[in-house]
Amino acid sequence: MAEYRHTETGEVKSQGQWRAHYSNTSLPRVWKAATLAGLNLEAVLASPAATTTAYQTSARDGVEQDANGNWVEKYVARDMFADTTDEDGVTTTKAQHEAAYQATLDSRVAESNRNKRDGLLAETDWTGMSDVTMTSAMTTYRQALRDITDHANWPNLEDADWPTKP
């Protein structure tokens, strides 16, 4: 959504909001430099989100001028969690919130990996039928799939951590 900053007041609004503000003025569909100058507006350019860590989010924080004098969207990194105290006076620290959040993420990844493992096992179930002799390589592969939850990187596995199907 295009935004424009008023050169005198610093107010930032969308094109639709400026149209409503200047409701008694006939404005062209496409705003060119002359239209902006006549309304004392300057375009606010898009900018990338702020760089964040694992427990931060990028949040819009108004506009600012860049090194070239252009007005751009301003983003800041904000912590996702903070110390909190409930109505009973029990304080939960930022670190405890982060640990709980990470545990939830790990639980979801673990569930997804278990589903993948179960699917890979199901693909090879036919090798265990009574009229098929299972190779030792297939037996080793299937056992490695069953043991995947004991892997050092569990639940955050990489492709290389998964056993290779014979």
N, C-alpha and C. Protein backbone atom coordinates (compact mmCIF):
# COMPACT_ATOMS: atom_id res chain seq x y z
N MET A 1 0.86 -1.17 0.00
CA MET A 1 0.00 0.00 0.00
C MET A 1 0.90 1.23 0.00
N ALA A 2 0.66 2.09 -0.95
CA ALA A 2 1.45 3.31 -1.06
C ALA A 2 1.10 4.28 0.07
N GLU A 3 2.13 4.88 0.63
CA GLU A 3 1.94 5.87 1.68
C GLU A 3 2.64 7.17 1.28
N TYR A 4 2.12 8.25 1.84
CA TYR A 4 2.67 9.56 1.53
C TYR A 4 2.79 10.36 2.83
N ARG A 5 3.86 11.16 2.90
CA ARG A 5 4.13 11.97 4.09
C ARG A 5 3.92 13.44 3.74
N HIS A 6 3.18 14.14 4.60
CA HIS A 6 2.94 15.57 4.39
C HIS A 6 4.21 16.30 4.77
N THR A 7 4.70 17.16 3.89
CA THR A 7 5.99 17.83 4.11
C THR A 7 5.97 18.81 5.27
N GLU A 8 4.81 19.36 5.60
CA GLU A 8 4.74 20.36 6.67
C GLU A 8 4.40 19.74 8.02
N THR A 9 3.46 18.81 8.04
CA THR A 9 3.01 18.24 9.32
C THR A 9 3.73 16.94 9.68
N GLY A 10 4.31 16.27 8.68
CA GLY A 10 4.96 14.98 8.94
C GLY A 10 3.97 13.83 9.02
N GLU A 11 2.70 14.10 8.84
CA GLU A 11 1.66 13.08 8.92
C GLU A 11 1.80 12.10 7.75
N VAL A 12 1.67 10.81 8.05
CA VAL A 12 1.78 9.77 7.03
C VAL A 12 0.44 9.08 6.88
N LYS A 13 -0.04 8.99 5.64
CA LYS A 13 -1.32 8.34 5.35
C LYS A 13 -1.22 7.62 4.02
N SER A 14 -2.16 6.70 3.81
CA SER A 14 -2.25 6.02 2.52
C SER A 14 -2.86 6.98 1.49
N GLN A 15 -2.77 6.62 0.22
CA GLN A 15 -3.36 7.46 -0.81
C GLN A 15 -4.86 7.62 -0.59
N GLY A 16 -5.53 6.55 -0.20
CA GLY A 16 -6.96 6.63 0.06
C GLY A 16 -7.30 7.59 1.20
N GLN A 17 -6.47 7.56 2.24
CA GLN A 17 -6.70 8.47 3.37
C GLN A 17 -6.45 9.92 2.96
N TRP A 18 -5.44 10.16 2.12
CA TRP A 18 -5.20 11.53 1.65
C TRP A 18 -6.32 11.98 0.72
N ARG A 19 -6.86 11.06 -0.09
CA ARG A 19 -7.99 11.42 -0.95
C ARG A 19 -9.18 11.85 -0.09
N ALA A 20 -9.43 11.11 1.01
CA ALA A 20 -10.53 11.47 1.91
C ALA A 20 -10.24 12.81 2.58
N HIS A 21 -8.99 13.05 2.93
CA HIS A 21 -8.59 14.31 3.56
C HIS A 21 -8.84 15.48 2.61
N TYR A 22 -8.54 15.29 1.35
CA TYR A 22 -8.75 16.32 0.33
C TYR A 22 -10.01 16.00 -0.48
N SER A 23 -11.09 15.68 0.22
CA SER A 23 -12.32 15.23 -0.45
C SER A 23 -12.93 16.27 -1.39
N ASN A 24 -12.65 17.53 -1.19
CA ASN A 24 -13.21 18.57 -2.06
C ASN A 24 -12.28 18.91 -3.23
N THR A 25 -11.24 18.11 -3.40
CA THR A 25 -10.28 18.34 -4.48
C THR A 25 -10.35 17.19 -5.47
N SER A 26 -10.41 17.50 -6.75
CA SER A 26 -10.40 16.47 -7.79
C SER A 26 -8.95 16.04 -8.00
N LEU A 27 -8.68 14.76 -7.75
CA LEU A 27 -7.32 14.25 -7.86
C LEU A 27 -7.23 13.20 -8.96
N PRO A 28 -6.12 13.16 -9.68
CA PRO A 28 -5.96 12.15 -10.73
C PRO A 28 -5.82 10.76 -10.12
N ARG A 29 -6.08 9.76 -10.94
CA ARG A 29 -5.98 8.38 -10.48
C ARG A 29 -4.52 8.05 -10.13
N VAL A 30 -3.61 8.44 -10.99
CA VAL A 30 -2.18 8.22 -10.75
C VAL A 30 -1.55 9.52 -10.31
N TRP A 31 -0.86 9.48 -9.18
CA TRP A 31 -0.23 10.68 -8.64
C TRP A 31 1.19 10.79 -9.16
N LYS A 32 1.46 11.87 -9.86
CA LYS A 32 2.81 12.14 -10.35
C LYS A 32 3.44 13.21 -9.47
N ALA A 33 4.65 13.59 -9.80
CA ALA A 33 5.40 14.55 -8.98
C ALA A 33 4.65 15.86 -8.80
N ALA A 34 3.98 16.34 -9.85
CA ALA A 34 3.26 17.62 -9.75
C ALA A 34 2.09 17.52 -8.77
N THR A 35 1.40 16.39 -8.76
CA THR A 35 0.28 16.19 -7.83
C THR A 35 0.80 16.19 -6.39
N LEU A 36 1.88 15.45 -6.18
CA LEU A 36 2.47 15.38 -4.84
C LEU A 36 2.93 16.75 -4.37
N ALA A 37 3.58 17.49 -5.25
CA ALA A 37 4.06 18.84 -4.89
C ALA A 37 2.89 19.75 -4.56
N GLY A 38 1.81 19.66 -5.33
CA GLY A 38 0.64 20.50 -5.08
C GLY A 38 -0.04 20.20 -3.75
N LEU A 39 0.07 18.95 -3.30
CA LEU A 39 -0.54 18.54 -2.03
C LEU A 39 0.45 18.59 -0.87
N ASN A 40 1.69 19.01 -1.14
CA ASN A 40 2.76 19.01 -0.14
C ASN A 40 3.01 17.61 0.42
N LEU A 41 3.05 16.63 -0.48
CA LEU A 41 3.25 15.24 -0.08
C LEU A 41 4.53 14.70 -0.72
N GLU A 42 5.12 13.72 -0.05
CA GLU A 42 6.25 12.99 -0.60
C GLU A 42 5.97 11.51 -0.41
N ALA A 43 6.38 10.72 -1.38
CA ALA A 43 6.17 9.28 -1.31
C ALA A 43 7.03 8.67 -0.20
N VAL A 44 6.47 7.69 0.48
CA VAL A 44 7.21 6.90 1.45
C VAL A 44 7.56 5.60 0.75
N LEU A 45 8.85 5.32 0.63
CA LEU A 45 9.32 4.14 -0.08
C LEU A 45 9.35 2.92 0.83
N ALA A 46 9.18 1.76 0.23
CA ALA A 46 9.26 0.51 0.98
C ALA A 46 10.70 0.26 1.39
N SER A 47 10.88 -0.40 2.52
CA SER A 47 12.22 -0.76 2.97
C SER A 47 12.16 -2.16 3.57
N PRO A 48 13.31 -2.82 3.68
CA PRO A 48 13.30 -4.18 4.22
C PRO A 48 13.00 -4.20 5.72
N ALA A 49 12.50 -5.34 6.15
CA ALA A 49 12.21 -5.53 7.58
C ALA A 49 13.53 -5.53 8.36
N ALA A 50 13.42 -5.30 9.64
CA ALA A 50 14.60 -5.29 10.51
C ALA A 50 15.17 -6.70 10.64
N THR A 51 16.46 -6.78 10.84
CA THR A 51 17.11 -8.07 11.09
C THR A 51 16.77 -8.49 12.52
N THR A 52 16.35 -9.74 12.66
CA THR A 52 15.90 -10.22 13.97
C THR A 52 16.66 -11.46 14.40
N THR A 53 16.57 -11.77 15.68
CA THR A 53 17.09 -13.02 16.23
C THR A 53 15.92 -13.99 16.36
N ALA A 54 16.19 -15.16 16.91
CA ALA A 54 15.17 -16.21 17.01
C ALA A 54 13.94 -15.78 17.82
N TYR A 55 14.11 -14.92 18.79
CA TYR A 55 12.99 -14.54 19.65
C TYR A 55 12.62 -13.07 19.49
N GLN A 56 12.75 -12.58 18.27
CA GLN A 56 12.37 -11.21 17.96
C GLN A 56 11.49 -11.21 16.71
N THR A 57 10.74 -10.12 16.56
CA THR A 57 9.97 -9.89 15.35
C THR A 57 10.32 -8.51 14.81
N SER A 58 10.08 -8.33 13.54
CA SER A 58 10.30 -7.03 12.91
C SER A 58 8.98 -6.28 12.96
N ALA A 59 9.00 -5.07 13.48
CA ALA A 59 7.77 -4.28 13.63
C ALA A 59 7.94 -2.92 12.96
N ARG A 60 6.88 -2.47 12.31
CA ARG A 60 6.88 -1.15 11.67
C ARG A 60 6.88 -0.09 12.76
N ASP A 61 7.75 0.91 12.59
CA ASP A 61 7.89 1.97 13.59
C ASP A 61 7.95 3.32 12.90
N GLY A 62 6.94 3.62 12.10
CA GLY A 62 6.86 4.91 11.44
C GLY A 62 7.70 4.99 10.19
N VAL A 63 8.20 6.19 9.91
CA VAL A 63 9.03 6.44 8.74
C VAL A 63 10.27 7.21 9.16
N GLU A 64 11.29 7.16 8.30
CA GLU A 64 12.52 7.89 8.55
C GLU A 64 13.16 8.24 7.22
N GLN A 65 14.08 9.18 7.27
CA GLN A 65 14.80 9.54 6.05
C GLN A 65 16.03 8.66 5.92
N ASP A 66 16.27 8.19 4.69
CA ASP A 66 17.46 7.40 4.46
C ASP A 66 18.63 8.32 4.10
N ALA A 67 19.75 7.74 3.77
CA ALA A 67 20.96 8.52 3.49
C ALA A 67 20.81 9.41 2.27
N ASN A 68 19.86 9.08 1.38
CA ASN A 68 19.64 9.87 0.17
C ASN A 68 18.56 10.94 0.35
N GLY A 69 18.02 11.05 1.56
CA GLY A 69 16.98 12.04 1.82
C GLY A 69 15.58 11.56 1.48
N ASN A 70 15.43 10.30 1.09
CA ASN A 70 14.11 9.75 0.80
C ASN A 70 13.43 9.33 2.09
N TRP A 71 12.11 9.43 2.12
CA TRP A 71 11.36 8.92 3.27
C TRP A 71 11.07 7.45 3.02
N VAL A 72 11.41 6.62 4.00
CA VAL A 72 11.25 5.17 3.88
C VAL A 72 10.56 4.63 5.12
N GLU A 73 9.97 3.45 4.97
CA GLU A 73 9.37 2.77 6.12
C GLU A 73 10.47 2.43 7.12
N LYS A 74 10.17 2.59 8.39
CA LYS A 74 11.15 2.28 9.44
C LYS A 74 10.69 1.03 10.16
N TYR A 75 11.59 0.07 10.28
CA TYR A 75 11.31 -1.16 11.01
C TYR A 75 12.31 -1.33 12.13
N VAL A 76 11.87 -1.88 13.24
CA VAL A 76 12.74 -2.17 14.38
C VAL A 76 12.53 -3.61 14.81
N ALA A 77 13.56 -4.18 15.41
CA ALA A 77 13.46 -5.52 15.97
C ALA A 77 12.91 -5.40 17.39
N ARG A 78 11.86 -6.15 17.65
CA ARG A 78 11.25 -6.14 18.99
C ARG A 78 11.27 -7.54 19.57
N ASP A 79 11.56 -7.61 20.86
CA ASP A 79 11.53 -8.90 21.55
C ASP A 79 10.12 -9.47 21.53
N MET A 80 10.02 -10.77 21.32
CA MET A 80 8.72 -11.42 21.34
C MET A 80 8.20 -11.59 22.77
N PHE A 81 9.13 -11.66 23.71
CA PHE A 81 8.75 -11.95 25.09
C PHE A 81 9.37 -10.95 26.05
N ALA A 82 8.74 -10.85 27.22
CA ALA A 82 9.25 -10.00 28.31
C ALA A 82 8.85 -10.67 29.63
N ASP A 83 9.46 -10.24 30.70
CA ASP A 83 9.05 -10.73 32.01
C ASP A 83 7.59 -10.33 32.25
N THR A 84 6.81 -11.24 32.80
CA THR A 84 5.41 -10.94 33.10
C THR A 84 5.10 -11.36 34.53
N THR A 85 4.12 -10.71 35.11
CA THR A 85 3.64 -11.07 36.45
C THR A 85 2.13 -11.21 36.36
N ASP A 86 1.62 -12.38 36.79
CA ASP A 86 0.18 -12.59 36.73
C ASP A 86 -0.52 -11.97 37.94
N GLU A 87 -1.84 -12.11 37.99
CA GLU A 87 -2.62 -11.49 39.06
C GLU A 87 -2.32 -12.06 40.45
N ASP A 88 -1.69 -13.25 40.50
CA ASP A 88 -1.32 -13.84 41.78
C ASP A 88 0.09 -13.45 42.20
N GLY A 89 0.75 -12.61 41.41
CA GLY A 89 2.09 -12.15 41.74
C GLY A 89 3.20 -13.08 41.28
N VAL A 90 2.84 -14.11 40.48
CA VAL A 90 3.85 -15.05 39.99
C VAL A 90 4.52 -14.46 38.75
N THR A 91 5.83 -14.36 38.80
CA THR A 91 6.59 -13.78 37.69
C THR A 91 7.13 -14.88 36.80
N THR A 92 6.94 -14.69 35.51
CA THR A 92 7.53 -15.58 34.51
C THR A 92 8.56 -14.75 33.75
N THR A 93 9.79 -15.24 33.73
CA THR A 93 10.87 -14.48 33.11
C THR A 93 10.82 -14.59 31.59
N LYS A 94 11.50 -13.67 30.95
CA LYS A 94 11.62 -13.68 29.49
C LYS A 94 12.22 -15.01 29.04
N ALA A 95 13.24 -15.49 29.76
CA ALA A 95 13.91 -16.75 29.42
C ALA A 95 12.94 -17.93 29.52
N GLN A 96 12.05 -17.91 30.50
CA GLN A 96 11.06 -18.99 30.64
C GLN A 96 10.06 -18.95 29.48
N HIS A 97 9.64 -17.75 29.09
CA HIS A 97 8.74 -17.62 27.94
C HIS A 97 9.41 -18.15 26.67
N GLU A 98 10.69 -17.79 26.49
CA GLU A 98 11.43 -18.24 25.31
C GLU A 98 11.58 -19.76 25.31
N ALA A 99 11.87 -20.34 26.47
CA ALA A 99 12.02 -21.79 26.56
C ALA A 99 10.71 -22.50 26.24
N ALA A 100 9.61 -21.97 26.73
CA ALA A 100 8.30 -22.57 26.43
C ALA A 100 7.97 -22.47 24.94
N TYR A 101 8.28 -21.33 24.36
CA TYR A 101 8.05 -21.13 22.93
C TYR A 101 8.90 -22.11 22.12
N GLN A 102 10.18 -22.24 22.49
CA GLN A 102 11.06 -23.16 21.77
C GLN A 102 10.59 -24.59 21.94
N ALA A 103 10.10 -24.95 23.11
CA ALA A 103 9.58 -26.29 23.33
C ALA A 103 8.39 -26.57 22.42
N THR A 104 7.54 -25.58 22.23
CA THR A 104 6.39 -25.72 21.32
C THR A 104 6.87 -25.92 19.88
N LEU A 105 7.85 -25.11 19.47
CA LEU A 105 8.40 -25.26 18.11
C LEU A 105 9.03 -26.64 17.93
N ASP A 106 9.82 -27.07 18.91
CA ASP A 106 10.46 -28.38 18.82
C ASP A 106 9.43 -29.50 18.77
N SER A 107 8.35 -29.35 19.53
CA SER A 107 7.29 -30.35 19.53
C SER A 107 6.64 -30.47 18.16
N ARG A 108 6.42 -29.34 17.50
CA ARG A 108 5.82 -29.37 16.16
C ARG A 108 6.77 -30.01 15.15
N VAL A 109 8.05 -29.67 15.25
CA VAL A 109 9.04 -30.26 14.34
C VAL A 109 9.13 -31.76 14.59
N ALA A 110 9.13 -32.17 15.86
CA ALA A 110 9.21 -33.58 16.20
C ALA A 110 8.01 -34.33 15.63
N GLU A 111 6.83 -33.76 15.75
CA GLU A 111 5.63 -34.41 15.20
C GLU A 111 5.74 -34.56 13.69
N SER A 112 6.21 -33.52 13.03
CA SER A 112 6.39 -33.58 11.58
C SER A 112 7.41 -34.65 11.19
N ASN A 113 8.51 -34.72 11.94
CA ASN A 113 9.53 -35.73 11.65
C ASN A 113 9.02 -37.14 11.92
N ARG A 114 8.22 -37.31 12.96
CA ARG A 114 7.63 -38.63 13.22
C ARG A 114 6.70 -39.05 12.08
N ASN A 115 5.93 -38.09 11.57
CA ASN A 115 5.05 -38.39 10.44
C ASN A 115 5.86 -38.77 9.21
N LYS A 116 6.97 -38.07 8.97
CA LYS A 116 7.84 -38.41 7.84
C LYS A 116 8.41 -39.81 8.03
N ARG A 117 8.90 -40.09 9.24
CA ARG A 117 9.46 -41.40 9.54
C ARG A 117 8.42 -42.50 9.32
N ASP A 118 7.20 -42.28 9.81
CA ASP A 118 6.14 -43.27 9.66
C ASP A 118 5.82 -43.51 8.18
N GLY A 119 5.85 -42.45 7.39
CA GLY A 119 5.61 -42.59 5.95
C GLY A 119 6.72 -43.39 5.28
N LEU A 120 7.97 -43.11 5.66
CA LEU A 120 9.09 -43.85 5.08
C LEU A 120 9.04 -45.32 5.47
N LEU A 121 8.64 -45.60 6.70
CA LEU A 121 8.48 -46.99 7.12
C LEU A 121 7.35 -47.66 6.34
N ALA A 122 6.24 -46.95 6.16
CA ALA A 122 5.09 -47.52 5.44
C ALA A 122 5.46 -47.85 3.99
N GLU A 123 6.35 -47.04 3.40
CA GLU A 123 6.77 -47.32 2.02
C GLU A 123 7.54 -48.63 1.90
N THR A 124 8.13 -49.08 2.99
CA THR A 124 8.94 -50.31 2.94
C THR A 124 8.27 -51.48 3.66
N ASP A 125 7.04 -51.30 4.11
CA ASP A 125 6.34 -52.38 4.82
C ASP A 125 6.22 -53.64 3.96
N TRP A 126 6.10 -53.46 2.67
CA TRP A 126 5.94 -54.61 1.77
C TRP A 126 7.13 -55.56 1.86
N THR A 127 8.31 -55.03 2.27
CA THR A 127 9.49 -55.90 2.36
C THR A 127 9.42 -56.87 3.53
N GLY A 128 8.45 -56.67 4.42
CA GLY A 128 8.30 -57.55 5.57
C GLY A 128 7.21 -58.59 5.40
N MET A 129 6.66 -58.67 4.20
CA MET A 129 5.60 -59.66 3.96
C MET A 129 6.19 -61.07 3.97
N SER A 130 5.35 -62.05 4.25
CA SER A 130 5.83 -63.42 4.43
C SER A 130 6.44 -64.02 3.16
N ASP A 131 6.04 -63.53 1.97
CA ASP A 131 6.59 -64.09 0.74
C ASP A 131 7.78 -63.29 0.19
N VAL A 132 8.30 -62.34 1.00
CA VAL A 132 9.45 -61.53 0.59
C VAL A 132 10.54 -61.68 1.65
N THR A 133 11.77 -61.87 1.19
CA THR A 133 12.89 -61.95 2.11
C THR A 133 13.50 -60.55 2.24
N MET A 134 13.45 -60.03 3.44
CA MET A 134 13.97 -58.68 3.68
C MET A 134 15.50 -58.73 3.71
N THR A 135 16.13 -57.84 2.96
CA THR A 135 17.59 -57.79 2.95
C THR A 135 18.10 -57.20 4.26
N SER A 136 19.35 -57.46 4.56
CA SER A 136 19.92 -56.91 5.79
C SER A 136 20.02 -55.38 5.69
N ALA A 137 20.25 -54.88 4.46
CA ALA A 137 20.31 -53.42 4.27
C ALA A 137 18.95 -52.79 4.58
N MET A 138 17.87 -53.45 4.17
CA MET A 138 16.52 -52.93 4.43
C MET A 138 16.21 -53.02 5.93
N THR A 139 16.63 -54.09 6.56
CA THR A 139 16.43 -54.24 8.01
C THR A 139 17.16 -53.12 8.76
N THR A 140 18.40 -52.84 8.33
CA THR A 140 19.20 -51.77 8.95
C THR A 140 18.55 -50.41 8.73
N TYR A 141 18.07 -50.18 7.52
CA TYR A 141 17.40 -48.91 7.18
C TYR A 141 16.15 -48.71 8.04
N ARG A 142 15.32 -49.75 8.13
CA ARG A 142 14.08 -49.64 8.90
C ARG A 142 14.38 -49.42 10.39
N GLN A 143 15.43 -50.08 10.90
CA GLN A 143 15.80 -49.88 12.30
C GLN A 143 16.32 -48.47 12.52
N ALA A 144 17.07 -47.94 11.56
CA ALA A 144 17.58 -46.57 11.67
C ALA A 144 16.42 -45.58 11.68
N LEU A 145 15.37 -45.84 10.91
CA LEU A 145 14.19 -44.98 10.93
C LEU A 145 13.51 -45.03 12.30
N ARG A 146 13.41 -46.23 12.86
CA ARG A 146 12.78 -46.35 14.18
C ARG A 146 13.60 -45.64 15.26
N ASP A 147 14.94 -45.62 15.08
CA ASP A 147 15.84 -45.02 16.06
C ASP A 147 16.10 -43.54 15.82
N ILE A 148 15.45 -42.95 14.83
CA ILE A 148 15.75 -41.56 14.45
C ILE A 148 15.51 -40.58 15.61
N THR A 149 14.59 -40.92 16.51
CA THR A 149 14.31 -40.02 17.65
C THR A 149 15.48 -39.99 18.65
N ASP A 150 16.42 -40.91 18.52
CA ASP A 150 17.61 -40.91 19.38
C ASP A 150 18.77 -40.15 18.75
N HIS A 151 18.56 -39.62 17.56
CA HIS A 151 19.63 -38.90 16.84
C HIS A 151 20.04 -37.66 17.64
N ALA A 152 21.31 -37.30 17.58
CA ALA A 152 21.84 -36.16 18.34
C ALA A 152 21.16 -34.85 17.97
N ASN A 153 20.71 -34.72 16.74
CA ASN A 153 20.08 -33.47 16.29
C ASN A 153 18.56 -33.45 16.46
N TRP A 154 17.99 -34.52 17.00
CA TRP A 154 16.53 -34.60 17.15
C TRP A 154 16.02 -33.45 17.99
N PRO A 155 14.95 -32.74 17.65
CA PRO A 155 14.08 -32.97 16.49
C PRO A 155 14.47 -32.14 15.26
N ASN A 156 15.53 -31.36 15.38
CA ASN A 156 15.91 -30.44 14.29
C ASN A 156 16.86 -31.13 13.32
N LEU A 157 16.32 -32.10 12.61
CA LEU A 157 17.12 -32.90 11.69
C LEU A 157 17.36 -32.17 10.37
N GLU A 158 18.50 -32.45 9.79
CA GLU A 158 18.79 -31.99 8.44
C GLU A 158 18.61 -33.18 7.51
N ASP A 159 18.58 -32.92 6.22
CA ASP A 159 18.39 -34.02 5.26
C ASP A 159 19.46 -35.09 5.43
N ALA A 160 20.69 -34.69 5.71
CA ALA A 160 21.79 -35.65 5.85
C ALA A 160 21.63 -36.53 7.08
N ASP A 161 20.80 -36.14 8.04
CA ASP A 161 20.61 -36.93 9.26
C ASP A 161 19.70 -38.14 9.05
N TRP A 162 18.94 -38.13 7.98
CA TRP A 162 18.02 -39.23 7.72
C TRP A 162 18.78 -40.40 7.07
N PRO A 163 18.41 -41.64 7.43
CA PRO A 163 19.09 -42.79 6.80
C PRO A 163 18.76 -42.85 5.31
N THR A 164 19.67 -43.41 4.56
CA THR A 164 19.50 -43.54 3.11
C THR A 164 18.84 -44.87 2.80
N LYS A 165 17.77 -44.80 2.00
CA LYS A 165 17.03 -46.01 1.63
C LYS A 165 17.89 -46.86 0.70
N PRO A 166 18.01 -48.16 1.00
CA PRO A 166 18.84 -49.03 0.14
C PRO A 166 18.18 -49.25 -1.22
